Amino acid sequence: DLVYGPTVVCLAYTLYSVLYVSGNMRRPREYLKYYSRVRKLTKTEVLNLNNAMLFRNYSVGAAEVLFHRENNKLMPKILSWEKKIPKQVFQSKSS
C-alpha cells in the first residue's frame, strides 16, 4: 500500500539499524517510543513493523552469507533475531 508502505519500511529499517548497532532488542522499542512523540503511528503501521524488520533481517543475513561466507561472526545474532523479531511487541498510542 502506497499510503503506509514507504513510511513503515523506512521506520522498520531504522529500527533494525538500531537493533543491529546496539545488539539489544529493547532499543528499537525505545527508539519507537520517542519517535511516536513526533509522529503517531496507526495500528496498521505498528502491526507491519515486525514483518518489515524481519524482511530486513533476511536481507542483511543473505548479504552476510554472500560476502563473508564461513568467516561470518554476525550470523549467530542474525539467526537469533530471526526468532526474536516476530515476538517484538510494538505499541501504538493512536487509535
Protein backbone atom coordinates (compact mmCIF):
# COMPACT_ATOMS: atom_id res chain seq x y z
CA ASP A 1 0.00 0.00 0.00
CA LEU A 2 1.48 3.30 -1.06
CA VAL A 3 -0.08 5.20 1.81
CA TYR A 4 1.72 3.36 4.63
CA GLY A 5 4.29 1.22 2.85
CA PRO A 6 7.17 3.66 2.40
CA THR A 7 6.87 5.05 5.92
CA VAL A 8 6.63 1.63 7.56
CA VAL A 9 9.56 0.24 5.58
CA CYS A 10 11.74 3.26 6.31
CA LEU A 11 10.89 3.20 10.01
CA ALA A 12 11.34 -0.58 10.23
CA TYR A 13 14.75 -0.33 8.56
CA THR A 14 15.70 2.37 11.05
CA LEU A 15 14.51 0.19 13.93
CA TYR A 16 16.54 -2.69 12.50
CA SER A 17 19.60 -0.44 12.29
CA VAL A 18 19.12 0.46 15.93
CA LEU A 19 18.99 -3.26 16.74
CA TYR A 20 21.99 -4.03 14.52
CA VAL A 21 24.17 -1.35 16.11
CA SER A 22 23.07 -1.92 19.71
CA GLY A 23 22.53 -5.68 19.62
CA ASN A 24 19.76 -5.08 22.16
CA MET A 25 16.12 -5.99 21.42
CA ARG A 26 14.85 -3.24 23.75
CA ARG A 27 16.49 -0.41 21.83
CA PRO A 28 14.09 -0.45 18.85
CA ARG A 29 11.13 -0.16 21.25
CA GLU A 30 12.84 2.74 23.00
CA TYR A 31 13.50 4.45 19.68
CA LEU A 32 9.87 3.98 18.64
CA LYS A 33 8.68 5.43 21.94
CA TYR A 34 10.48 8.69 21.20
CA TYR A 35 9.57 8.61 17.50
CA SER A 36 5.89 8.32 18.47
CA ARG A 37 6.10 11.61 20.32
CA VAL A 38 6.75 13.32 17.00
CA ARG A 39 4.52 11.19 14.76
CA LYS A 40 1.78 8.88 15.98
CA LEU A 41 1.57 5.58 14.14
CA THR A 42 -1.63 3.93 13.02
CA LYS A 43 -2.42 0.42 14.19
CA THR A 44 -1.79 -0.83 10.66
CA GLU A 45 1.68 0.70 10.67
CA VAL A 46 2.50 -0.77 14.06
CA LEU A 47 1.27 -4.21 13.03
CA ASN A 48 3.55 -4.24 10.00
CA LEU A 49 6.79 -3.10 11.66
CA ASN A 50 7.79 -6.63 12.67
CA ASN A 51 7.31 -8.00 9.17
CA ALA A 52 9.39 -5.26 7.62
CA MET A 53 12.12 -5.67 10.26
CA LEU A 54 12.15 -9.43 9.69
CA PHE A 55 12.48 -8.91 5.93
CA ARG A 56 15.42 -6.57 6.59
CA ASN A 57 16.99 -9.21 8.82
CA TYR A 58 16.72 -11.76 5.99
CA SER A 59 18.28 -9.29 3.55
CA VAL A 60 21.17 -8.49 5.86
CA GLY A 61 21.65 -12.20 6.61
CA ALA A 62 21.77 -13.05 2.90
CA ALA A 63 24.35 -10.32 2.29
CA GLU A 64 26.44 -11.55 5.21
CA VAL A 65 26.46 -15.09 3.82
CA LEU A 66 27.25 -13.84 0.32
CA PHE A 67 30.13 -11.60 1.31
CA HIS A 68 31.58 -13.29 4.40
CA ARG A 69 30.68 -16.97 3.97
CA GLU A 70 32.28 -19.11 6.68
CA ASN A 71 34.06 -16.19 8.34
CA ASN A 72 30.78 -14.66 9.37
CA LYS A 73 30.68 -13.65 13.03
CA LEU A 74 27.34 -11.87 12.78
CA MET A 75 25.21 -14.84 11.65
CA PRO A 76 24.53 -16.19 15.16
CA LYS A 77 23.00 -12.82 16.09
CA ILE A 78 21.03 -12.63 12.84
CA LEU A 79 19.67 -16.13 13.42
CA SER A 80 18.66 -15.29 16.98
CA TRP A 81 16.99 -12.08 15.80
CA GLU A 82 15.02 -14.14 13.28
CA LYS A 83 13.30 -15.79 16.25
CA LYS A 84 13.02 -12.66 18.39
CA ILE A 85 11.83 -10.04 15.88
CA PRO A 86 8.39 -11.64 15.34
CA LYS A 87 7.88 -11.63 19.12
CA GLN A 88 8.85 -7.97 19.40
CA VAL A 89 5.85 -6.04 20.67
CA PHE A 90 5.40 -2.52 19.41
CA GLN A 91 2.52 -0.44 20.68
CA SER A 92 0.67 2.45 19.24
CA LYS A 93 -0.66 5.37 21.26
CA SER A 94 -3.08 6.26 18.48
CA SER A 95 -6.32 4.52 17.62
